[in-house]
Every structure is written in C-alpha cells, then in structure tokens.
C-alpha atoms as a PDB file:
ATOM      1  CA  MET A   1     -13.416   9.386  -0.758  1.00  0.00           C
ATOM      2  CA  PRO A   2     -13.197   9.830   2.889  1.00  0.00           C
ATOM      3  CA  ARG A   3     -13.708  13.842   3.958  1.00  0.00           C
ATOM      4  CA  ASP A   4     -10.063  14.012   5.145  1.00  0.00           C
ATOM      5  CA  HIS A   5      -8.701  12.921   1.686  1.00  0.00           C
ATOM      6  CA  LEU A   6      -7.246  15.951   0.029  1.00  0.00           C
ATOM      7  CA  LYS A   7      -5.394  16.145  -3.035  1.00  0.00           C
ATOM      8  CA  PRO A   8      -2.432  18.890  -3.969  1.00  0.00           C
ATOM      9  CA  SER A   9      -2.963  20.524  -7.390  1.00  0.00           C
ATOM     10  CA  ARG A  10      -1.405  18.095 -10.073  1.00  0.00           C
ATOM     11  CA  VAL A  11       2.381  18.707 -11.135  1.00  0.00           C
ATOM     12  CA  ARG A  12       2.612  17.659 -14.679  1.00  0.00           C
ATOM     13  CA  THR A  13       6.507  17.173 -15.726  1.00  0.00           C
ATOM     14  CA  LEU A  14       5.794  15.169 -18.688  1.00  0.00           C
ATOM     15  CA  GLY A  15       6.736  17.204 -21.676  1.00  0.00           C
ATOM     16  CA  ALA A  16       7.889  20.022 -19.531  1.00  0.00           C
ATOM     17  CA  ASN A  17      10.929  20.708 -21.262  1.00  0.00           C
ATOM     18  CA  THR A  18       9.718  20.783 -24.888  1.00  0.00           C
ATOM     19  CA  THR A  19       8.062  23.642 -26.623  1.00  0.00           C
ATOM     20  CA  LEU A  20       4.868  22.316 -27.292  1.00  0.00           C
ATOM     21  CA  SER A  21       3.936  20.080 -24.553  1.00  0.00           C
ATOM     22  CA  GLY A  22      -0.091  19.699 -24.790  1.00  0.00           C
ATOM     23  CA  PHE A  23      -0.016  20.479 -20.895  1.00  0.00           C
ATOM     24  CA  GLY A  24      -0.540  24.390 -21.062  1.00  0.00           C
ATOM     25  CA  GLN A  25       1.453  27.462 -21.470  1.00  0.00           C
ATOM     26  CA  GLU A  26       4.374  26.878 -19.148  1.00  0.00           C
ATOM     27  CA  ASN A  27       6.770  27.355 -22.093  1.00  0.00           C
ATOM     28  CA  MET A  28       5.012  30.078 -23.914  1.00  0.00           C
ATOM     29  CA  GLU A  29       7.113  32.671 -22.692  1.00  0.00           C
ATOM     30  CA  LYS A  30      10.254  30.729 -24.033  1.00  0.00           C
ATOM     31  CA  VAL A  31       8.436  30.445 -27.325  1.00  0.00           C
ATOM     32  CA  TYR A  32       7.999  34.268 -27.513  1.00  0.00           C
ATOM     33  CA  SER A  33      11.264  34.935 -26.943  1.00  0.00           C
ATOM     34  CA  ASP A  34      12.831  32.819 -29.426  1.00  0.00           C
ATOM     35  CA  THR A  35      10.559  33.907 -32.012  1.00  0.00           C
ATOM     36  CA  GLY A  36      10.856  37.793 -31.632  1.00  0.00           C
ATOM     37  CA  THR A  37      14.599  37.258 -31.666  1.00  0.00           C
ATOM     38  CA  ALA A  38      14.203  35.528 -34.900  1.00  0.00           C
ATOM     39  CA  SER A  39      11.946  38.399 -35.774  1.00  0.00           C
ATOM     40  CA  ASN A  40      14.100  40.995 -35.059  1.00  0.00           C
ATOM     41  CA  ASP A  41      17.058  39.023 -37.086  1.00  0.00           C
ATOM     42  CA  GLN A  42      15.141  38.969 -39.800  1.00  0.00           C
ATOM     43  CA  SER A  43      13.787  42.725 -39.712  1.00  0.00           C
ATOM     44  CA  LYS A  44      13.773  45.665 -37.665  1.00  0.00           C
ATOM     45  CA  THR A  45      10.291  46.738 -38.201  1.00  0.00           C
ATOM     46  CA  GLU A  46       7.763  46.294 -35.448  1.00  0.00           C
ATOM     47  CA  GLU A  47       5.227  45.337 -37.422  1.00  0.00           C
ATOM     48  CA  SER A  48       7.179  42.132 -38.596  1.00  0.00           C
ATOM     49  CA  SER A  49       8.242  41.449 -35.173  1.00  0.00           C
ATOM     50  CA  VAL A  50       4.355  41.937 -33.901  1.00  0.00           C
ATOM     51  CA  THR A  51       3.296  39.226 -36.589  1.00  0.00           C
ATOM     52  CA  LYS A  52       5.666  36.705 -35.792  1.00  0.00           C
ATOM     53  CA  LYS A  53       4.515  36.927 -32.073  1.00  0.00           C
ATOM     54  CA  ARG A  54       0.899  36.449 -33.378  1.00  0.00           C
ATOM     55  CA  THR A  55       1.968  33.637 -35.472  1.00  0.00           C
ATOM     56  CA  ALA A  56       3.687  31.679 -32.677  1.00  0.00           C
ATOM     57  CA  SER A  57       1.041  32.568 -30.312  1.00  0.00           C
ATOM     58  CA  PHE A  58      -1.891  30.999 -32.128  1.00  0.00           C
ATOM     59  CA  TRP A  59      -0.875  27.934 -31.465  1.00  0.00           C
ATOM     60  CA  PHE A  60      -1.624  28.308 -27.525  1.00  0.00           C
ATOM     61  CA  ASP A  61      -4.561  30.454 -28.377  1.00  0.00           C
ATOM     62  CA  GLU A  62      -8.234  29.511 -27.058  1.00  0.00           C
ATOM     63  CA  ASP A  63      -8.967  27.713 -30.517  1.00  0.00           C
ATOM     64  CA  GLY A  64      -5.201  26.770 -31.512  1.00  0.00           C
ATOM     65  CA  LEU A  65      -3.977  23.483 -31.813  1.00  0.00           C
ATOM     66  CA  PHE A  66      -1.962  23.140 -29.165  1.00  0.00           C
ATOM     67  CA  ASN A  67      -4.318  24.393 -26.405  1.00  0.00           C
ATOM     68  CA  ASN A  68      -4.964  21.198 -24.527  1.00  0.00           C
ATOM     69  CA  ASP A  69      -4.472  22.256 -21.215  1.00  0.00           C
ATOM     70  CA  ASP A  70      -7.822  20.764 -20.374  1.00  0.00           C
ATOM     71  CA  GLU A  71      -8.716  18.478 -22.913  1.00  0.00           C
ATOM     72  CA  GLY A  72      -5.728  17.080 -23.971  1.00  0.00           C
ATOM     73  CA  ARG A  73      -4.617  16.503 -20.135  1.00  0.00           C
ATOM     74  CA  ALA A  74      -7.747  14.597 -20.274  1.00  0.00           C
ATOM     75  CA  GLU A  75      -7.114  12.600 -23.143  1.00  0.00           C
ATOM     76  CA  ARG A  76      -3.552  11.508 -22.111  1.00  0.00           C
ATOM     77  CA  GLN A  77      -5.004  10.621 -18.952  1.00  0.00           C
ATOM     78  CA  GLN A  78      -7.968   8.713 -20.118  1.00  0.00           C
ATOM     79  CA  CYS A  79      -5.316   6.587 -22.225  1.00  0.00           C
ATOM     80  CA  ALA A  80      -3.267   6.131 -18.753  1.00  0.00           C
ATOM     81  CA  ILE A  81      -6.185   4.957 -17.304  1.00  0.00           C
ATOM     82  CA  ALA A  82      -7.072   2.231 -19.829  1.00  0.00           C
ATOM     83  CA  ALA A  83      -3.453   0.888 -20.340  1.00  0.00           C
ATOM     84  CA  SER A  84      -3.563   0.480 -16.548  1.00  0.00           C
ATOM     85  CA  ASN A  85      -6.404  -1.370 -16.731  1.00  0.00           C
ATOM     86  CA  ILE A  86      -5.166  -3.634 -19.445  1.00  0.00           C
ATOM     87  CA  ILE A  87      -2.194  -4.484 -17.196  1.00  0.00           C
ATOM     88  CA  ARG A  88      -4.662  -5.058 -14.211  1.00  0.00           C
ATOM     89  CA  ASN A  89      -6.574  -7.634 -16.488  1.00  0.00           C
ATOM     90  CA  PHE A  90      -2.990  -9.283 -17.422  1.00  0.00           C
ATOM     91  CA  SER A  91      -2.293  -9.844 -13.720  1.00  0.00           C
ATOM     92  CA  PHE A  92      -5.073 -11.591 -13.222  1.00  0.00           C
ATOM     93  CA  MET A  93      -3.664 -14.339 -15.420  1.00  0.00           C
ATOM     94  CA  PRO A  94      -1.428 -16.858 -14.163  1.00  0.00           C
ATOM     95  CA  GLU A  95       0.548 -17.559 -17.113  1.00  0.00           C
ATOM     96  CA  ASN A  96       1.161 -13.738 -17.547  1.00  0.00           C
ATOM     97  CA  GLU A  97       2.616 -13.455 -13.862  1.00  0.00           C
ATOM     98  CA  THR A  98       6.452 -14.528 -14.362  1.00  0.00           C
ATOM     99  CA  ILE A  99       6.672 -12.684 -17.196  1.00  0.00           C
ATOM    100  CA  MET A 100       5.213  -9.215 -15.883  1.00  0.00           C
ATOM    101  CA  VAL A 101       7.312  -9.947 -12.586  1.00  0.00           C
ATOM    102  CA  GLN A 102      10.639 -10.085 -14.926  1.00  0.00           C
ATOM    103  CA  HIS A 103       9.686  -6.781 -16.750  1.00  0.00           C
ATOM    104  CA  ARG A 104      11.670  -4.300 -14.632  1.00  0.00           C
ATOM    105  CA  HIS A 105      10.348  -1.065 -16.787  1.00  0.00           C
ATOM    106  CA  CYS A 106       6.678  -2.392 -16.155  1.00  0.00           C
ATOM    107  CA  LEU A 107       7.235  -2.793 -12.152  1.00  0.00           C
ATOM    108  CA  GLU A 108       9.012   0.678 -12.332  1.00  0.00           C
ATOM    109  CA  THR A 109       6.200   2.376 -13.619  1.00  0.00           C
ATOM    110  CA  VAL A 110       3.503   1.127 -11.546  1.00  0.00           C
ATOM    111  CA  PHE A 111       5.222   1.768  -8.325  1.00  0.00           C
ATOM    112  CA  GLN A 112       5.644   5.183  -9.720  1.00  0.00           C
ATOM    113  CA  CYS A 113       2.134   5.430 -10.113  1.00  0.00           C
ATOM    114  CA  LEU A 114       1.626   4.566  -6.252  1.00  0.00           C
ATOM    115  CA  GLU A 115       4.413   7.163  -5.333  1.00  0.00           C
ATOM    116  CA  ASP A 116       2.196   9.550  -7.384  1.00  0.00           C
ATOM    117  CA  GLN A 117      -0.548   9.136  -5.499  1.00  0.00           C
ATOM    118  CA  ASN A 118      -1.206  12.864  -4.566  1.00  0.00           C
ATOM    119  CA  ARG A 119      -1.305  13.703  -8.597  1.00  0.00           C
ATOM    120  CA  GLU A 120      -2.394  10.800 -10.611  1.00  0.00           C
ATOM    121  CA  ASP A 121      -5.774  10.000 -11.443  1.00  0.00           C
ATOM    122  CA  ASP A 122      -7.443   7.632  -8.539  1.00  0.00           C
ATOM    123  CA  GLU A 123      -8.598   5.007 -11.116  1.00  0.00           C
ATOM    124  CA  LEU A 124      -4.943   4.503 -12.217  1.00  0.00           C
ATOM    125  CA  ILE A 125      -3.763   4.129  -8.635  1.00  0.00           C
ATOM    126  CA  THR A 126      -6.422   1.423  -7.773  1.00  0.00           C
ATOM    127  CA  ASN A 127      -5.285  -0.537 -11.328  1.00  0.00           C
ATOM    128  CA  MET A 128      -1.544  -0.320 -10.632  1.00  0.00           C
ATOM    129  CA  LEU A 129      -2.320  -1.361  -6.816  1.00  0.00           C
ATOM    130  CA  GLU A 130      -4.237  -4.185  -7.599  1.00  0.00           C
ATOM    131  CA  THR A 131      -2.203  -5.036 -10.484  1.00  0.00           C
ATOM    132  CA  LEU A 132       0.581  -5.848  -7.621  1.00  0.00           C
ATOM    133  CA  VAL A 133      -1.789  -7.495  -5.088  1.00  0.00           C
ATOM    134  CA  ASN A 134      -2.144  -9.932  -7.792  1.00  0.00           C
ATOM    135  CA  LEU A 135       1.636 -10.261  -8.436  1.00  0.00           C
ATOM    136  CA  ALA A 136       2.786  -9.976  -5.141  1.00  0.00           C
ATOM    137  CA  PRO A 137       3.103 -13.829  -4.570  1.00  0.00           C
ATOM    138  CA  VAL A 138       5.743 -14.161  -7.124  1.00  0.00           C
ATOM    139  CA  LEU A 139       7.020 -10.775  -6.900  1.00  0.00           C
ATOM    140  CA  ASP A 140      11.063 -10.328  -5.996  1.00  0.00           C
ATOM    141  CA  LEU A 141      11.560  -6.925  -4.949  1.00  0.00           C
ATOM    142  CA  ARG A 142      15.567  -7.813  -5.647  1.00  0.00           C
ATOM    143  CA  ILE A 143      14.669  -6.810  -9.056  1.00  0.00           C
ATOM    144  CA  PHE A 144      15.302  -3.117  -8.772  1.00  0.00           C
ATOM    145  CA  SER A 145      19.022  -4.031  -7.795  1.00  0.00           C
ATOM    146  CA  SER A 146      19.522  -6.352 -10.774  1.00  0.00           C
ATOM    147  CA  SER A 147      21.691  -6.127 -14.294  1.00  0.00           C
ATOM    148  CA  LYS A 148      18.117  -5.300 -15.769  1.00  0.00           C
ATOM    149  CA  PRO A 149      17.924  -1.913 -17.836  1.00  0.00           C
ATOM    150  CA  SER A 150      16.205   0.737 -15.711  1.00  0.00           C
ATOM    151  CA  PHE A 151      14.088   3.564 -17.279  1.00  0.00           C
ATOM    152  CA  ILE A 152      13.211   4.916 -13.665  1.00  0.00           C
ATOM    153  CA  LYS A 153      15.890   4.380 -10.800  1.00  0.00           C
ATOM    154  CA  MET A 154      13.442   2.922  -8.487  1.00  0.00           C
ATOM    155  CA  THR A 155      14.802   1.128  -5.617  1.00  0.00           C
ATOM    156  CA  GLU A 156      13.633  -1.418  -3.168  1.00  0.00           C
ATOM    157  CA  LYS A 157      13.643   1.125  -0.596  1.00  0.00           C
ATOM    158  CA  GLY A 158      11.876   3.420  -2.717  1.00  0.00           C
ATOM    159  CA  ALA A 159       8.970   0.592  -3.650  1.00  0.00           C
ATOM    160  CA  VAL A 160       8.428  -0.185  -0.246  1.00  0.00           C
ATOM    161  CA  HIS A 161       8.332   3.588   0.456  1.00  0.00           C
ATOM    162  CA  ALA A 162       5.312   3.596  -2.173  1.00  0.00           C
ATOM    163  CA  ILE A 163       3.252   0.667  -0.232  1.00  0.00           C
ATOM    164  CA  MET A 164       3.964   2.251   3.028  1.00  0.00           C
ATOM    165  CA  GLY A 165       2.022   5.707   1.570  1.00  0.00           C
ATOM    166  CA  MET A 166      -0.714   3.649   0.289  1.00  0.00           C
ATOM    167  CA  LEU A 167      -1.030   1.539   3.674  1.00  0.00           C
ATOM    168  CA  SER A 168      -1.062   5.058   5.414  1.00  0.00           C
ATOM    169  CA  SER A 169      -4.047   6.370   2.870  1.00  0.00           C
ATOM    170  CA  SER A 170      -7.169   7.401   4.302  1.00  0.00           C
ATOM    171  CA  VAL A 171      -8.762   5.751   1.521  1.00  0.00           C
ATOM    172  CA  LYS A 172     -10.127   2.581   2.178  1.00  0.00           C
ATOM    173  CA  PRO A 173      -9.385   0.494  -0.839  1.00  0.00           C
ATOM    174  CA  TRP A 174      -6.168   1.349  -0.948  1.00  0.00           C
ATOM    175  CA  HIS A 175      -5.161   0.795   2.276  1.00  0.00           C
ATOM    176  CA  CYS A 176      -7.062  -2.294   2.100  1.00  0.00           C
ATOM    177  CA  ALA A 177      -5.179  -3.390  -0.736  1.00  0.00           C
ATOM    178  CA  ALA A 178      -1.796  -2.268   0.375  1.00  0.00           C
ATOM    179  CA  ALA A 179      -2.128  -4.757   3.943  1.00  0.00           C
ATOM    180  CA  GLU A 180      -2.985  -7.550   1.717  1.00  0.00           C
ATOM    181  CA  LEU A 181      -0.254  -6.768  -0.791  1.00  0.00           C
ATOM    182  CA  ILE A 182       2.077  -6.564   2.341  1.00  0.00           C
ATOM    183  CA  GLY A 183       1.158  -9.876   3.848  1.00  0.00           C
ATOM    184  CA  ARG A 184       1.948 -11.718   0.384  1.00  0.00           C
ATOM    185  CA  LEU A 185       5.030  -9.907  -0.242  1.00  0.00           C
ATOM    186  CA  ILE A 186       6.697 -10.713   3.222  1.00  0.00           C
ATOM    187  CA  ILE A 187       5.998 -14.706   2.653  1.00  0.00           C
ATOM    188  CA  ASN A 188       9.015 -14.170   0.148  1.00  0.00           C
ATOM    189  CA  PRO A 189      11.734 -14.640   2.048  1.00  0.00           C
ATOM    190  CA  ASP A 190      13.845 -12.554  -0.273  1.00  0.00           C
ATOM    191  CA  ASN A 191      11.308  -9.440   0.667  1.00  0.00           C
ATOM    192  CA  GLU A 192      12.077  -9.837   4.060  1.00  0.00           C
ATOM    193  CA  SER A 193      14.843  -7.795   4.588  1.00  0.00           C
ATOM    194  CA  PHE A 194      13.280  -4.550   2.779  1.00  0.00           C
ATOM    195  CA  LEU A 195      10.112  -5.087   5.008  1.00  0.00           C
ATOM    196  CA  LEU A 196      11.708  -5.818   8.258  1.00  0.00           C
ATOM    197  CA  PRO A 197      12.946  -2.135   8.822  1.00  0.00           C
ATOM    198  CA  VAL A 198       9.552  -0.980   8.598  1.00  0.00           C
ATOM    199  CA  ILE A 199       7.606  -3.619  10.115  1.00  0.00           C
ATOM    200  CA  PRO A 200       7.260  -1.221  13.346  1.00  0.00           C
ATOM    201  CA  GLN A 201       5.184   0.963  11.314  1.00  0.00           C
ATOM    202  CA  ILE A 202       3.273  -1.636   9.747  1.00  0.00           C
ATOM    203  CA  TYR A 203       2.384  -3.427  12.827  1.00  0.00           C
ATOM    204  CA  LYS A 204       1.018   0.537  14.034  1.00  0.00           C
ATOM    205  CA  ARG A 205      -1.221   0.563  10.882  1.00  0.00           C
ATOM    206  CA  LEU A 206      -2.441  -2.721  10.918  1.00  0.00           C
ATOM    207  CA  VAL A 207      -3.494  -2.722  14.606  1.00  0.00           C
ATOM    208  CA  ASP A 208      -5.017   0.671  13.790  1.00  0.00           C
ATOM    209  CA  LEU A 209      -6.958  -1.015  10.731  1.00  0.00           C
ATOM    210  CA  LEU A 210      -8.322  -3.845  13.203  1.00  0.00           C
ATOM    211  CA  SER A 211     -10.488  -1.285  15.039  1.00  0.00           C
ATOM    212  CA  VAL A 212     -11.875  -0.001  11.956  1.00  0.00           C
ATOM    213  CA  PRO A 213     -15.625  -0.773  11.888  1.00  0.00           C
ATOM    214  CA  ALA A 214     -15.402  -2.050   7.992  1.00  0.00           C
ATOM    215  CA  TYR A 215     -15.179  -5.634   8.084  1.00  0.00           C
ATOM    216  CA  ASP A 216     -13.116  -5.504   4.876  1.00  0.00           C
ATOM    217  CA  ALA A 217     -10.608  -3.417   6.438  1.00  0.00           C
ATOM    218  CA  GLN A 218     -10.349  -5.759   9.516  1.00  0.00           C
ATOM    219  CA  ALA A 219     -10.236  -8.661   7.274  1.00  0.00           C
ATOM    220  CA  ALA A 220      -6.944  -6.971   5.588  1.00  0.00           C
ATOM    221  CA  ALA A 221      -5.323  -6.577   8.662  1.00  0.00           C
ATOM    222  CA  VAL A 222      -6.165  -9.595   9.837  1.00  0.00           C
ATOM    223  CA  SER A 223      -4.953 -11.566   6.868  1.00  0.00           C
ATOM    224  CA  ALA A 224      -1.565  -9.270   6.554  1.00  0.00           C
ATOM    225  CA  LEU A 225      -0.981  -9.756  10.148  1.00  0.00           C
ATOM    226  CA  TYR A 226      -1.257 -13.542   9.857  1.00  0.00           C
ATOM    227  CA  ASN A 227       1.860 -13.879   7.725  1.00  0.00           C
ATOM    228  CA  VAL A 228       3.860 -11.505   9.154  1.00  0.00           C
ATOM    229  CA  ALA A 229       3.563 -13.299  12.444  1.00  0.00           C
ATOM    230  CA  GLU A 230       4.804 -16.084  10.991  1.00  0.00           C
ATOM    231  CA  VAL A 231       8.139 -14.450   9.634  1.00  0.00           C
ATOM    232  CA  ASN A 232      10.339 -14.778  12.588  1.00  0.00           C
ATOM    233  CA  MET A 233      10.527 -14.518  16.434  1.00  0.00           C
ATOM    234  CA  ASP A 234      10.993 -11.319  16.263  1.00  0.00           C
ATOM    235  CA  CYS A 235       7.680 -10.278  14.551  1.00  0.00           C
ATOM    236  CA  ARG A 236       5.896 -11.971  17.130  1.00  0.00           C
ATOM    237  CA  LEU A 237       7.616 -10.414  19.975  1.00  0.00           C
ATOM    238  CA  LYS A 238       6.706  -6.578  18.497  1.00  0.00           C
ATOM    239  CA  LEU A 239       3.150  -7.566  17.622  1.00  0.00           C
ATOM    240  CA  ALA A 240       2.560  -8.782  21.269  1.00  0.00           C
ATOM    241  CA  SER A 241       4.282  -5.704  22.818  1.00  0.00           C
ATOM    242  CA  GLU A 242       2.169  -3.277  20.292  1.00  0.00           C
ATOM    243  CA  ARG A 243      -0.649  -0.903  22.071  1.00  0.00           C
ATOM    244  CA  TRP A 244      -3.892  -2.957  21.605  1.00  0.00           C
ATOM    245  CA  ALA A 245      -2.635  -5.617  19.531  1.00  0.00           C
ATOM    246  CA  VAL A 246      -4.208  -8.412  21.546  1.00  0.00           C
ATOM    247  CA  ASP A 247      -7.355  -6.617  22.705  1.00  0.00           C
ATOM    248  CA  ARG A 248      -8.423  -5.874  19.167  1.00  0.00           C
ATOM    249  CA  LEU A 249      -7.475  -9.567  17.978  1.00  0.00           C
ATOM    250  CA  LEU A 250      -9.660 -10.778  20.522  1.00  0.00           C
ATOM    251  CA  LYS A 251     -12.784  -8.116  20.118  1.00  0.00           C
ATOM    252  CA  ILE A 252     -12.697  -9.671  16.225  1.00  0.00           C
ATOM    253  CA  VAL A 253     -13.334 -13.691  17.501  1.00  0.00           C
ATOM    254  CA  LYS A 254     -15.711 -12.401  20.392  1.00  0.00           C
ATOM    255  CA  THR A 255     -17.708  -9.880  18.084  1.00  0.00           C
ATOM    256  CA  PRO A 256     -17.449 -12.296  16.308  1.00  0.00           C
ATOM    257  CA  HIS A 257     -16.340 -10.965  12.332  1.00  0.00           C
ATOM    258  CA  PRO A 258     -18.785 -12.186  10.056  1.00  0.00           C
ATOM    259  CA  VAL A 259     -16.319 -14.075   7.864  1.00  0.00           C
ATOM    260  CA  PRO A 260     -15.381 -17.457   9.691  1.00  0.00           C
ATOM    261  CA  GLU A 261     -11.871 -17.398   7.828  1.00  0.00           C
ATOM    262  CA  VAL A 262     -11.009 -13.973   9.497  1.00  0.00           C
ATOM    263  CA  CYS A 263     -11.531 -15.543  12.935  1.00  0.00           C
ATOM    264  CA  ARG A 264      -9.585 -18.838  12.151  1.00  0.00           C
ATOM    265  CA  LYS A 265      -6.731 -16.726  11.435  1.00  0.00           C
ATOM    266  CA  THR A 266      -7.080 -14.373  14.134  1.00  0.00           C
ATOM    267  CA  SER A 267      -6.874 -17.205  16.560  1.00  0.00           C
ATOM    268  CA  MET A 268      -3.925 -18.778  14.984  1.00  0.00           C
ATOM    269  CA  ILE A 269      -2.233 -15.346  15.184  1.00  0.00           C
ATOM    270  CA  LEU A 270      -3.187 -15.469  18.949  1.00  0.00           C
ATOM    271  CA  GLU A 271      -1.777 -19.192  19.277  1.00  0.00           C
ATOM    272  CA  SER A 272       1.759 -18.156  17.204  1.00  0.00           C
ATOM    273  CA  LEU A 273       1.924 -15.055  19.792  1.00  0.00           C
ATOM    274  CA  VAL A 274       1.639 -17.349  22.977  1.00  0.00           C
ATOM    275  CA  SER A 275       4.186 -19.943  21.369  1.00  0.00           C
ATOM    276  CA  GLU A 276       7.105 -17.533  22.448  1.00  0.00           C
ATOM    277  CA  PRO A 277       8.231 -17.416  26.451  1.00  0.00           C
ATOM    278  CA  GLN A 278       8.542 -13.636  26.401  1.00  0.00           C
ATOM    279  CA  ASN A 279       5.297 -13.043  25.322  1.00  0.00           C
ATOM    280  CA  ARG A 280       3.412 -14.424  28.227  1.00  0.00           C
ATOM    281  CA  MET A 281       3.436 -11.673  30.523  1.00  0.00           C
ATOM    282  CA  HIS A 282       1.618  -9.596  27.762  1.00  0.00           C
ATOM    283  CA  LEU A 283      -0.944 -12.731  26.943  1.00  0.00           C
ATOM    284  CA  LEU A 284      -1.549 -13.700  30.889  1.00  0.00           C
ATOM    285  CA  VAL A 285      -3.539 -10.513  31.440  1.00  0.00           C
ATOM    286  CA  HIS A 286      -5.871 -11.861  28.781  1.00  0.00           C
ATOM    287  CA  GLU A 287      -6.417 -15.045  30.639  1.00  0.00           C
ATOM    288  CA  ASN A 288      -9.809 -14.508  31.375  1.00  0.00           C
ATOM    289  CA  THR A 289     -11.012 -13.652  28.036  1.00  0.00           C
ATOM    290  CA  PHE A 290      -9.491 -16.891  26.389  1.00  0.00           C
ATOM    291  CA  ALA A 291     -11.415 -18.635  28.888  1.00  0.00           C
ATOM    292  CA  GLU A 292     -14.705 -17.028  28.017  1.00  0.00           C
ATOM    293  CA  ILE A 293     -14.078 -17.856  24.297  1.00  0.00           C
ATOM    294  CA  LEU A 294     -13.143 -21.203  25.062  1.00  0.00           C
ATOM    295  CA  THR A 295     -16.620 -22.003  26.505  1.00  0.00           C
ATOM    296  CA  ALA A 296     -18.423 -19.701  24.332  1.00  0.00           C
ATOM    297  CA  GLU A 297     -17.118 -20.347  21.066  1.00  0.00           C
ATOM    298  CA  GLY A 298     -17.348 -23.917  19.806  1.00  0.00           C
ATOM    299  CA  LYS A 299     -15.823 -23.451  16.453  1.00  0.00           C
ATOM    300  CA  TYR A 300     -12.223 -22.411  17.973  1.00  0.00           C
ATOM    301  CA  SER A 301     -12.222 -23.755  21.016  1.00  0.00           C
ATOM    302  CA  ASP A 302      -9.182 -26.347  20.581  1.00  0.00           C
ATOM    303  CA  THR A 303      -7.264 -23.196  19.272  1.00  0.00           C
ATOM    304  CA  PHE A 304      -7.953 -21.476  22.518  1.00  0.00           C
ATOM    305  CA  ALA A 305      -7.379 -24.512  24.816  1.00  0.00           C
ATOM    306  CA  ARG A 306      -4.155 -24.979  23.377  1.00  0.00           C
ATOM    307  CA  ILE A 307      -3.097 -21.366  24.340  1.00  0.00           C
ATOM    308  CA  LEU A 308      -4.500 -21.523  27.432  1.00  0.00           C
ATOM    309  CA  TYR A 309      -2.852 -24.554  27.686  1.00  0.00           C
ATOM    310  CA  GLU A 310       0.850 -23.031  26.637  1.00  0.00           C
ATOM    311  CA  LEU A 311      -0.003 -20.053  29.488  1.00  0.00           C
ATOM    312  CA  THR A 312      -0.712 -22.170  32.555  1.00  0.00           C
ATOM    313  CA  ALA A 313       1.143 -25.570  31.833  1.00  0.00           C
ATOM    314  CA  ARG A 314       4.341 -24.264  32.627  1.00  0.00           C
ATOM    315  CA  PRO A 315       5.498 -24.338  36.346  1.00  0.00           C
ATOM    316  CA  SER A 316       5.866 -20.753  36.491  1.00  0.00           C
ATOM    317  CA  ASN A 317       2.486 -19.832  35.338  1.00  0.00           C
ATOM    318  CA  LYS A 318       0.621 -21.961  37.146  1.00  0.00           C
ATOM    319  CA  VAL A 319       0.061 -19.867  40.580  1.00  0.00           C
ATOM    320  CA  THR A 320      -0.518 -16.690  38.260  1.00  0.00           C
ATOM    321  CA  SER A 321      -3.105 -18.752  36.133  1.00  0.00           C
ATOM    322  CA  GLY A 322      -5.132 -19.930  39.281  1.00  0.00           C
ATOM    323  CA  HIS A 323      -5.234 -16.605  40.519  1.00  0.00           C
ATOM    324  CA  ALA A 324      -6.469 -15.177  37.352  1.00  0.00           C
ATOM    325  CA  ILE A 325      -9.042 -17.524  36.272  1.00  0.00           C
ATOM    326  CA  TRP A 326     -10.701 -19.326  39.438  1.00  0.00           C
ATOM    327  CA  GLY A 327      -9.925 -16.278  41.999  1.00  0.00           C
ATOM    328  CA  ASN A 328      -7.286 -16.962  45.293  1.00  0.00           C
ATOM    329  CA  ILE A 329      -7.303 -20.469  45.764  1.00  0.00           C
ATOM    330  CA  ASN A 330      -5.426 -20.273  49.087  1.00  0.00           C
END
C-alpha cells in the first residue's frame, strides 16, 4: 500500500437495527433500558432490577456469548472474502459470464463493495474489482435501470462513480484494474452514454498514469486510452487537447516500454488522433519527434510514416512542415 493511502475507521451497518448484532455494543443502552423497564413492571425491588440488568449485560460481557466486537467481525469478514474469491473465480469461466452479468443483485453487491472501498477489506475490494474486469466485455450497465428486482438500488451513475473512485485511488492494483475496466466497458456502445459525462476526468487520470514509473500502470492507461480514442471524434479531440497527453504517449514509444504491444497501441492512438483535422495544430509541434521515431524505431516506422503524411500532405501544412523539420528552406 502507498504511504498516502489512509482508511477511516470502519462503520458497520449490518445488523445495526437488531438488538444482538454481533458487531459490538452499539445497542447496549437500549437493551438495558428495555430490560430495566420489564424488571420494574415485574418487581419493584432494586435487587430484582439489578439482577435482570446483569442478565442482559452478560450477553455483552467479555466472555459473553454475543461479544463479537473483534472476533465476530473478523469471522464475518473472512466469510465475505471467501465468497468474493469464489465469485471472482466464477468470472474467469466464459460459460458463467452471461449468467453473472444478468444477475442484478450480484452486480449491485459487487459495485457496492467498490463504493465502500474505504470501509471494506482490501482483498474483498480487489476480488470484486477483478470480477468486474473479467465481466466487462459483456457487461451492460443498463441492467441497473431494468425491471429486474433490485435489493441495493444501484444506478448506472452510481456504478460509474464507484469505478471513478477506484481509478483515482492511490493503490496501484486498483487504479490499474479500474483503467482496464473502463477500456473494456466503453467498447460496448450501450455503455457510452454513461461514461461520456466523465470522459474529461478519465482522460486526466489516465494521462497522469502515463507518467507513473510503473510499467503496468502505463500499460493499463494505454490500453484504456486505445479503446476510448476509438469511441468517437469528440473523444479524440479531447484527448489531443489534454495537457501532456501527446508528450507522454511519445515518451512511451521512445523509451521504449518493455512490452512491444504497449508501444504498438500507443502508436495507434497517435495515428487516430492525427486523423482528426482539428488535432493537427496540437500535433504539429511534435513533428520533429515523429520524424526521429520514424528513423530510429523500425517496428513502428510505418505507423509514424502515416502520421507524418497526414500532418504534411495537405497543402495548408506543407510550408509549416518544411520549417519544422528542415528549417527555413527559403
């Protein structure tokens, strides 16, 4: 865990309205009050009242049957983690995908765990997040507005908010998985309308991840940007105008990233950006870098040749490109 990752004290609500919840002594005063009233009705003697109160308090004594403030909580948490691990393993099996993404209660529970990332166990959150990553290619967020029975009242907006919370987390496995999850969700046209309102925040965070020294974080960000950039023209325009986006994408190719597939996808992202005429002014300032990669990186020379062609082939850009690459030719 990173040093800046802090969790507030956990607030447990399960069983909060029951007398004996197994989560500590939240309702002791009520128990004592009810027991005391019953004792007064049955007997007016102080000794009888004290005896009844002692009987009630025994349940919560240190050696009492229902004093599970720590042990009971840990046991229930272990059961939850075990269940989440089973759900995660189920999600790896292709034959289970369709059933799981159509089970609204299951999905609501998974997303609720992500919403409660500051209160739930880290392993539980990780299992639930990996489950969603596995199911994402066939997951339709519209299930939260369907006629299927709802037990938690999760909405599409709430689900996206939970994902964004994981993306902004300082925990590397979480923000990497969230980036991959977004990239897989957005390729489904039915999910676009729910993700597009937060596209600016998604770009900003993904571009931030491009500068993280960890290679897996860079790979997750590139994978997500690769799919997001293919969604529509507006996405490509916003990405090209995002500060440092093009610089950091080029750096991944120039360094290069140790995984060739990441470099290939990065090159494809840049090519998709240059295909939009409105992006040319953002990309022309990097023309020298494109030319350097063209001559130095044989694997991606075809892609960068096409990028330079798009930038320089049009009449309005010929003079500009001549000044940028070869200096003043007049």
